Amino acid sequence: METVLKKRVLDEEMRDKVKFITFIIPQFARAVKMDKQEAYLYLKKYGGLDFLFEHWWTLHTEDPFWAIRSLYEVCRDNGGLK
């Protein structure tokens, strides 16, 4: 029973993570005036995706503006658009 409960919690967490990531990438794209694919590749190239996967829990509790700003700053610090 405990194993089933842990699996359900992990499944819910994974679902929440996927929902947030699929929400925030298009929001980021809109904010920096890129299409979604360009934004994804930009985030991947400049460390934004790694940051997003590592800190999604904290980012999803913020206003999307601050999450997008954090992603922008991480990418900028790693050589992205200034």
PDB file of N, CA and C in Angstrom:
ATOM      1  N   MET A   1       0.821  -1.201   0.000  1.00  0.00           N
ATOM      2  CA  MET A   1       0.000   0.000   0.000  1.00  0.00           C
ATOM      3  C   MET A   1       0.861   1.260   0.000  1.00  0.00           C
ATOM      4  N   GLU A   2       1.899   1.260   0.816  1.00  0.00           N
ATOM      5  CA  GLU A   2       2.778   2.425   0.904  1.00  0.00           C
ATOM      6  C   GLU A   2       3.497   2.669  -0.420  1.00  0.00           C
ATOM      7  N   THR A   3       3.899   1.604  -1.107  1.00  0.00           N
ATOM      8  CA  THR A   3       4.572   1.729  -2.397  1.00  0.00           C
ATOM      9  C   THR A   3       3.637   2.354  -3.429  1.00  0.00           C
ATOM     10  N   VAL A   4       2.376   1.940  -3.411  1.00  0.00           N
ATOM     11  CA  VAL A   4       1.397   2.500  -4.344  1.00  0.00           C
ATOM     12  C   VAL A   4       1.202   3.992  -4.069  1.00  0.00           C
ATOM     13  N   LEU A   5       1.147   4.367  -2.809  1.00  0.00           N
ATOM     14  CA  LEU A   5       0.976   5.770  -2.439  1.00  0.00           C
ATOM     15  C   LEU A   5       2.180   6.598  -2.883  1.00  0.00           C
ATOM     16  N   LYS A   6       3.390   6.079  -2.687  1.00  0.00           N
ATOM     17  CA  LYS A   6       4.592   6.798  -3.126  1.00  0.00           C
ATOM     18  C   LYS A   6       4.591   6.976  -4.637  1.00  0.00           C
ATOM     19  N   LYS A   7       4.202   5.923  -5.367  1.00  0.00           N
ATOM     20  CA  LYS A   7       4.157   6.003  -6.819  1.00  0.00           C
ATOM     21  C   LYS A   7       3.144   7.050  -7.262  1.00  0.00           C
ATOM     22  N   ARG A   8       1.993   7.100  -6.611  1.00  0.00           N
ATOM     23  CA  ARG A   8       0.962   8.082  -6.960  1.00  0.00           C
ATOM     24  C   ARG A   8       1.465   9.503  -6.713  1.00  0.00           C
ATOM     25  N   VAL A   9       2.157   9.708  -5.608  1.00  0.00           N
ATOM     26  CA  VAL A   9       2.705  11.030  -5.303  1.00  0.00           C
ATOM     27  C   VAL A   9       3.746  11.420  -6.347  1.00  0.00           C
ATOM     28  N   LEU A  10       4.620  10.478  -6.722  1.00  0.00           N
ATOM     29  CA  LEU A  10       5.630  10.763  -7.747  1.00  0.00           C
ATOM     30  C   LEU A  10       4.973  11.061  -9.091  1.00  0.00           C
ATOM     31  N   ASP A  11       3.925  10.304  -9.426  1.00  0.00           N
ATOM     32  CA  ASP A  11       3.221  10.554 -10.684  1.00  0.00           C
ATOM     33  C   ASP A  11       2.594  11.948 -10.691  1.00  0.00           C
ATOM     34  N   GLU A  12       1.996  12.344  -9.574  1.00  0.00           N
ATOM     35  CA  GLU A  12       1.395  13.674  -9.482  1.00  0.00           C
ATOM     36  C   GLU A  12       2.462  14.756  -9.586  1.00  0.00           C
ATOM     37  N   GLU A  13       3.596  14.542  -8.952  1.00  0.00           N
ATOM     38  CA  GLU A  13       4.685  15.518  -9.018  1.00  0.00           C
ATOM     39  C   GLU A  13       5.199  15.639 -10.450  1.00  0.00           C
ATOM     40  N   MET A  14       5.352  14.504 -11.134  1.00  0.00           N
ATOM     41  CA  MET A  14       5.823  14.527 -12.519  1.00  0.00           C
ATOM     42  C   MET A  14       4.808  15.250 -13.411  1.00  0.00           C
ATOM     43  N   ARG A  15       3.540  15.009 -13.179  1.00  0.00           N
ATOM     44  CA  ARG A  15       2.495  15.682 -13.944  1.00  0.00           C
ATOM     45  C   ARG A  15       2.546  17.199 -13.716  1.00  0.00           C
ATOM     46  N   ASP A  16       2.725  17.597 -12.460  1.00  0.00           N
ATOM     47  CA  ASP A  16       2.826  19.022 -12.137  1.00  0.00           C
ATOM     48  C   ASP A  16       4.044  19.651 -12.808  1.00  0.00           C
ATOM     49  N   LYS A  17       5.143  18.927 -12.799  1.00  0.00           N
ATOM     50  CA  LYS A  17       6.380  19.415 -13.413  1.00  0.00           C
ATOM     51  C   LYS A  17       6.181  19.620 -14.913  1.00  0.00           C
ATOM     52  N   VAL A  18       5.604  18.629 -15.569  1.00  0.00           N
ATOM     53  CA  VAL A  18       5.370  18.715 -17.011  1.00  0.00           C
ATOM     54  C   VAL A  18       4.409  19.857 -17.329  1.00  0.00           C
ATOM     55  N   LYS A  19       3.348  19.998 -16.540  1.00  0.00           N
ATOM     56  CA  LYS A  19       2.392  21.093 -16.758  1.00  0.00           C
ATOM     57  C   LYS A  19       3.076  22.444 -16.663  1.00  0.00           C
ATOM     58  N   PHE A  20       3.910  22.608 -15.639  1.00  0.00           N
ATOM     59  CA  PHE A  20       4.573  23.895 -15.458  1.00  0.00           C
ATOM     60  C   PHE A  20       5.539  24.181 -16.603  1.00  0.00           C
ATOM     61  N   ILE A  21       6.345  23.197 -16.957  1.00  0.00           N
ATOM     62  CA  ILE A  21       7.335  23.410 -18.011  1.00  0.00           C
ATOM     63  C   ILE A  21       6.658  23.703 -19.350  1.00  0.00           C
ATOM     64  N   THR A  22       5.575  22.991 -19.648  1.00  0.00           N
ATOM     65  CA  THR A  22       4.872  23.253 -20.907  1.00  0.00           C
ATOM     66  C   THR A  22       4.101  24.571 -20.867  1.00  0.00           C
ATOM     67  N   PHE A  23       3.890  25.109 -19.688  1.00  0.00           N
ATOM     68  CA  PHE A  23       3.276  26.435 -19.552  1.00  0.00           C
ATOM     69  C   PHE A  23       4.323  27.539 -19.683  1.00  0.00           C
ATOM     70  N   ILE A  24       5.457  27.367 -19.018  1.00  0.00           N
ATOM     71  CA  ILE A  24       6.405  28.479 -18.893  1.00  0.00           C
ATOM     72  C   ILE A  24       7.226  28.709 -20.162  1.00  0.00           C
ATOM     73  N   ILE A  25       7.521  27.668 -20.929  1.00  0.00           N
ATOM     74  CA  ILE A  25       8.315  27.862 -22.144  1.00  0.00           C
ATOM     75  C   ILE A  25       7.582  28.768 -23.145  1.00  0.00           C
ATOM     76  N   PRO A  26       6.293  28.536 -23.433  1.00  0.00           N
ATOM     77  CA  PRO A  26       5.597  29.487 -24.328  1.00  0.00           C
ATOM     78  C   PRO A  26       5.491  30.895 -23.733  1.00  0.00           C
ATOM     79  N   GLN A  27       5.362  30.994 -22.421  1.00  0.00           N
ATOM     80  CA  GLN A  27       5.323  32.315 -21.781  1.00  0.00           C
ATOM     81  C   GLN A  27       6.668  33.022 -21.959  1.00  0.00           C
ATOM     82  N   PHE A  28       7.748  32.286 -21.791  1.00  0.00           N
ATOM     83  CA  PHE A  28       9.088  32.832 -22.001  1.00  0.00           C
ATOM     84  C   PHE A  28       9.234  33.273 -23.461  1.00  0.00           C
ATOM     85  N   ALA A  29       8.790  32.417 -24.377  1.00  0.00           N
ATOM     86  CA  ALA A  29       8.883  32.731 -25.809  1.00  0.00           C
ATOM     87  C   ALA A  29       8.169  34.040 -26.127  1.00  0.00           C
ATOM     88  N   ARG A  30       6.984  34.208 -25.596  1.00  0.00           N
ATOM     89  CA  ARG A  30       6.210  35.427 -25.826  1.00  0.00           C
ATOM     90  C   ARG A  30       6.934  36.644 -25.247  1.00  0.00           C
ATOM     91  N   ALA A  31       7.509  36.481 -24.062  1.00  0.00           N
ATOM     92  CA  ALA A  31       8.171  37.606 -23.395  1.00  0.00           C
ATOM     93  C   ALA A  31       9.409  38.077 -24.144  1.00  0.00           C
ATOM     94  N   VAL A  32      10.144  37.152 -24.751  1.00  0.00           N
ATOM     95  CA  VAL A  32      11.374  37.536 -25.456  1.00  0.00           C
ATOM     96  C   VAL A  32      11.190  37.576 -26.968  1.00  0.00           C
ATOM     97  N   LYS A  33       9.928  37.476 -27.392  1.00  0.00           N
ATOM     98  CA  LYS A  33       9.568  37.591 -28.812  1.00  0.00           C
ATOM     99  C   LYS A  33      10.277  36.565 -29.690  1.00  0.00           C
ATOM    100  N   MET A  34      10.142  35.293 -29.282  1.00  0.00           N
ATOM    101  CA  MET A  34      10.641  34.161 -30.065  1.00  0.00           C
ATOM    102  C   MET A  34       9.466  33.217 -30.271  1.00  0.00           C
ATOM    103  N   ASP A  35       9.592  32.346 -31.269  1.00  0.00           N
ATOM    104  CA  ASP A  35       8.572  31.309 -31.328  1.00  0.00           C
ATOM    105  C   ASP A  35       8.960  30.224 -30.321  1.00  0.00           C
ATOM    106  N   LYS A  36       8.057  29.293 -30.067  1.00  0.00           N
ATOM    107  CA  LYS A  36       8.272  28.306 -29.000  1.00  0.00           C
ATOM    108  C   LYS A  36       9.509  27.448 -29.239  1.00  0.00           C
ATOM    109  N   GLN A  37       9.723  27.041 -30.477  1.00  0.00           N
ATOM    110  CA  GLN A  37      10.885  26.196 -30.767  1.00  0.00           C
ATOM    111  C   GLN A  37      12.189  26.969 -30.548  1.00  0.00           C
ATOM    112  N   GLU A  38      12.242  28.201 -31.003  1.00  0.00           N
ATOM    113  CA  GLU A  38      13.427  29.029 -30.781  1.00  0.00           C
ATOM    114  C   GLU A  38      13.689  29.204 -29.285  1.00  0.00           C
ATOM    115  N   ALA A  39      12.627  29.454 -28.538  1.00  0.00           N
ATOM    116  CA  ALA A  39      12.770  29.650 -27.097  1.00  0.00           C
ATOM    117  C   ALA A  39      13.294  28.382 -26.433  1.00  0.00           C
ATOM    118  N   TYR A  40      12.755  27.237 -26.823  1.00  0.00           N
ATOM    119  CA  TYR A  40      13.216  25.968 -26.262  1.00  0.00           C
ATOM    120  C   TYR A  40      14.712  25.777 -26.540  1.00  0.00           C
ATOM    121  N   LEU A  41      15.113  25.988 -27.784  1.00  0.00           N
ATOM    122  CA  LEU A  41      16.522  25.810 -28.153  1.00  0.00           C
ATOM    123  C   LEU A  41      17.424  26.824 -27.447  1.00  0.00           C
ATOM    124  N   TYR A  42      16.944  28.043 -27.306  1.00  0.00           N
ATOM    125  CA  TYR A  42      17.685  29.084 -26.594  1.00  0.00           C
ATOM    126  C   TYR A  42      17.869  28.682 -25.130  1.00  0.00           C
ATOM    127  N   LEU A  43      16.778  28.255 -24.480  1.00  0.00           N
ATOM    128  CA  LEU A  43      16.864  27.819 -23.080  1.00  0.00           C
ATOM    129  C   LEU A  43      17.804  26.633 -22.937  1.00  0.00           C
ATOM    130  N   LYS A  44      17.755  25.731 -23.884  1.00  0.00           N
ATOM    131  CA  LYS A  44      18.638  24.553 -23.841  1.00  0.00           C
ATOM    132  C   LYS A  44      20.104  24.969 -24.001  1.00  0.00           C
ATOM    133  N   LYS A  45      20.371  25.838 -24.947  1.00  0.00           N
ATOM    134  CA  LYS A  45      21.746  26.255 -25.236  1.00  0.00           C
ATOM    135  C   LYS A  45      22.382  27.033 -24.092  1.00  0.00           C
ATOM    136  N   TYR A  46      21.596  27.881 -23.426  1.00  0.00           N
ATOM    137  CA  TYR A  46      22.159  28.773 -22.419  1.00  0.00           C
ATOM    138  C   TYR A  46      21.829  28.392 -20.974  1.00  0.00           C
ATOM    139  N   GLY A  47      21.474  27.138 -20.741  1.00  0.00           N
ATOM    140  CA  GLY A  47      21.317  26.644 -19.379  1.00  0.00           C
ATOM    141  C   GLY A  47      19.972  26.893 -18.728  1.00  0.00           C
ATOM    142  N   GLY A  48      19.059  27.513 -19.455  1.00  0.00           N
ATOM    143  CA  GLY A  48      17.746  27.788 -18.891  1.00  0.00           C
ATOM    144  C   GLY A  48      16.945  26.530 -18.608  1.00  0.00           C
ATOM    145  N   LEU A  49      17.049  25.543 -19.501  1.00  0.00           N
ATOM    146  CA  LEU A  49      16.307  24.296 -19.280  1.00  0.00           C
ATOM    147  C   LEU A  49      16.840  23.552 -18.070  1.00  0.00           C
ATOM    148  N   ASP A  50      18.145  23.484 -17.938  1.00  0.00           N
ATOM    149  CA  ASP A  50      18.716  22.825 -16.757  1.00  0.00           C
ATOM    150  C   ASP A  50      18.237  23.512 -15.480  1.00  0.00           C
ATOM    151  N   PHE A  51      18.247  24.828 -15.488  1.00  0.00           N
ATOM    152  CA  PHE A  51      17.769  25.608 -14.343  1.00  0.00           C
ATOM    153  C   PHE A  51      16.291  25.325 -14.094  1.00  0.00           C
ATOM    154  N   LEU A  52      15.521  25.288 -15.159  1.00  0.00           N
ATOM    155  CA  LEU A  52      14.087  25.037 -15.057  1.00  0.00           C
ATOM    156  C   LEU A  52      13.806  23.659 -14.470  1.00  0.00           C
ATOM    157  N   PHE A  53      14.493  22.628 -14.955  1.00  0.00           N
ATOM    158  CA  PHE A  53      14.292  21.279 -14.438  1.00  0.00           C
ATOM    159  C   PHE A  53      14.727  21.159 -12.975  1.00  0.00           C
ATOM    160  N   GLU A  54      15.781  21.861 -12.624  1.00  0.00           N
ATOM    161  CA  GLU A  54      16.286  21.774 -11.253  1.00  0.00           C
ATOM    162  C   GLU A  54      15.440  22.572 -10.261  1.00  0.00           C
ATOM    163  N   HIS A  55      14.922  23.710 -10.693  1.00  0.00           N
ATOM    164  CA  HIS A  55      14.238  24.613  -9.762  1.00  0.00           C
ATOM    165  C   HIS A  55      12.755  24.806 -10.067  1.00  0.00           C
ATOM    166  N   TRP A  56      12.157  23.910 -10.819  1.00  0.00           N
ATOM    167  CA  TRP A  56      10.779  24.086 -11.241  1.00  0.00           C
ATOM    168  C   TRP A  56       9.839  24.264 -10.063  1.00  0.00           C
ATOM    169  N   TRP A  57      10.083  23.547  -8.964  1.00  0.00           N
ATOM    170  CA  TRP A  57       9.175  23.614  -7.830  1.00  0.00           C
ATOM    171  C   TRP A  57       9.096  25.036  -7.270  1.00  0.00           C
ATOM    172  N   THR A  58      10.242  25.656  -7.108  1.00  0.00           N
ATOM    173  CA  THR A  58      10.267  27.029  -6.606  1.00  0.00           C
ATOM    174  C   THR A  58       9.702  27.992  -7.640  1.00  0.00           C
ATOM    175  N   LEU A  59      10.091  27.825  -8.890  1.00  0.00           N
ATOM    176  CA  LEU A  59       9.637  28.728  -9.945  1.00  0.00           C
ATOM    177  C   LEU A  59       8.123  28.678 -10.127  1.00  0.00           C
ATOM    178  N   HIS A  60       7.534  27.520  -9.951  1.00  0.00           N
ATOM    179  CA  HIS A  60       6.093  27.422 -10.205  1.00  0.00           C
ATOM    180  C   HIS A  60       5.260  28.087  -9.109  1.00  0.00           C
ATOM    181  N   THR A  61       5.893  28.383  -7.982  1.00  0.00           N
ATOM    182  CA  THR A  61       5.157  29.049  -6.915  1.00  0.00           C
ATOM    183  C   THR A  61       5.202  30.578  -7.063  1.00  0.00           C
ATOM    184  N   GLU A  62       6.073  31.054  -7.945  1.00  0.00           N
ATOM    185  CA  GLU A  62       6.208  32.488  -8.176  1.00  0.00           C
ATOM    186  C   GLU A  62       5.212  32.963  -9.221  1.00  0.00           C
ATOM    187  N   ASP A  63       5.059  34.252  -9.303  1.00  0.00           N
ATOM    188  CA  ASP A  63       4.333  34.851 -10.411  1.00  0.00           C
ATOM    189  C   ASP A  63       5.122  34.495 -11.676  1.00  0.00           C
ATOM    190  N   PRO A  64       4.452  34.140 -12.766  1.00  0.00           N
ATOM    191  CA  PRO A  64       5.178  33.789 -13.997  1.00  0.00           C
ATOM    192  C   PRO A  64       6.182  34.853 -14.436  1.00  0.00           C
ATOM    193  N   PHE A  65       5.908  36.120 -14.163  1.00  0.00           N
ATOM    194  CA  PHE A  65       6.840  37.185 -14.513  1.00  0.00           C
ATOM    195  C   PHE A  65       8.210  36.920 -13.911  1.00  0.00           C
ATOM    196  N   TRP A  66       8.243  36.549 -12.634  1.00  0.00           N
ATOM    197  CA  TRP A  66       9.516  36.330 -11.947  1.00  0.00           C
ATOM    198  C   TRP A  66      10.192  35.061 -12.418  1.00  0.00           C
ATOM    199  N   ALA A  67       9.429  34.048 -12.750  1.00  0.00           N
ATOM    200  CA  ALA A  67      10.013  32.809 -13.281  1.00  0.00           C
ATOM    201  C   ALA A  67      10.672  33.090 -14.629  1.00  0.00           C
ATOM    202  N   ILE A  68       9.984  33.852 -15.470  1.00  0.00           N
ATOM    203  CA  ILE A  68      10.535  34.206 -16.783  1.00  0.00           C
ATOM    204  C   ILE A  68      11.777  35.066 -16.616  1.00  0.00           C
ATOM    205  N   ARG A  69      11.728  35.999 -15.701  1.00  0.00           N
ATOM    206  CA  ARG A  69      12.887  36.858 -15.447  1.00  0.00           C
ATOM    207  C   ARG A  69      14.084  36.026 -14.965  1.00  0.00           C
ATOM    208  N   SER A  70      13.836  35.069 -14.095  1.00  0.00           N
ATOM    209  CA  SER A  70      14.907  34.195 -13.609  1.00  0.00           C
ATOM    210  C   SER A  70      15.516  33.398 -14.757  1.00  0.00           C
ATOM    211  N   LEU A  71      14.670  32.862 -15.636  1.00  0.00           N
ATOM    212  CA  LEU A  71      15.173  32.120 -16.799  1.00  0.00           C
ATOM    213  C   LEU A  71      16.002  33.026 -17.698  1.00  0.00           C
ATOM    214  N   TYR A  72      15.522  34.242 -17.926  1.00  0.00           N
ATOM    215  CA  TYR A  72      16.242  35.204 -18.757  1.00  0.00           C
ATOM    216  C   TYR A  72      17.620  35.506 -18.166  1.00  0.00           C
ATOM    217  N   GLU A  73      17.667  35.730 -16.851  1.00  0.00           N
ATOM    218  CA  GLU A  73      18.933  36.054 -16.195  1.00  0.00           C
ATOM    219  C   GLU A  73      19.914  34.889 -16.241  1.00  0.00           C
ATOM    220  N   VAL A  74      19.430  33.674 -16.048  1.00  0.00           N
ATOM    221  CA  VAL A  74      20.307  32.496 -16.126  1.00  0.00           C
ATOM    222  C   VAL A  74      20.901  32.407 -17.527  1.00  0.00           C
ATOM    223  N   CYS A  75      20.070  32.551 -18.538  1.00  0.00           N
ATOM    224  CA  CYS A  75      20.552  32.465 -19.929  1.00  0.00           C
ATOM    225  C   CYS A  75      21.526  33.601 -20.229  1.00  0.00           C
ATOM    226  N   ARG A  76      21.203  34.807 -19.783  1.00  0.00           N
ATOM    227  CA  ARG A  76      22.091  35.954 -20.000  1.00  0.00           C
ATOM    228  C   ARG A  76      23.455  35.712 -19.367  1.00  0.00           C
ATOM    229  N   ASP A  77      23.445  35.188 -18.149  1.00  0.00           N
ATOM    230  CA  ASP A  77      24.689  34.915 -17.426  1.00  0.00           C
ATOM    231  C   ASP A  77      25.515  33.830 -18.101  1.00  0.00           C
ATOM    232  N   ASN A  78      24.861  33.001 -18.906  1.00  0.00           N
ATOM    233  CA  ASN A  78      25.554  31.923 -19.621  1.00  0.00           C
ATOM    234  C   ASN A  78      25.818  32.269 -21.091  1.00  0.00           C
ATOM    235  N   GLY A  79      25.761  33.556 -21.432  1.00  0.00           N
ATOM    236  CA  GLY A  79      26.124  34.006 -22.772  1.00  0.00           C
ATOM    237  C   GLY A  79      24.968  34.285 -23.695  1.00  0.00           C
ATOM    238  N   GLY A  80      23.746  34.213 -23.217  1.00  0.00           N
ATOM    239  CA  GLY A  80      22.575  34.506 -24.054  1.00  0.00           C
ATOM    240  C   GLY A  80      22.451  35.990 -24.327  1.00  0.00           C
ATOM    241  N   LEU A  81      21.331  36.369 -24.898  1.00  0.00           N
ATOM    242  CA  LEU A  81      21.098  37.779 -25.235  1.00  0.00           C
ATOM    243  C   LEU A  81      21.318  38.687 -24.053  1.00  0.00           C
ATOM    244  N   LYS A  82      21.959  39.786 -24.289  1.00  0.00           N
ATOM    245  CA  LYS A  82      22.244  40.762 -23.228  1.00  0.00           C
ATOM    246  C   LYS A  82      21.165  41.798 -23.164  1.00  0.00           C
TER     247      LYS A  82
END
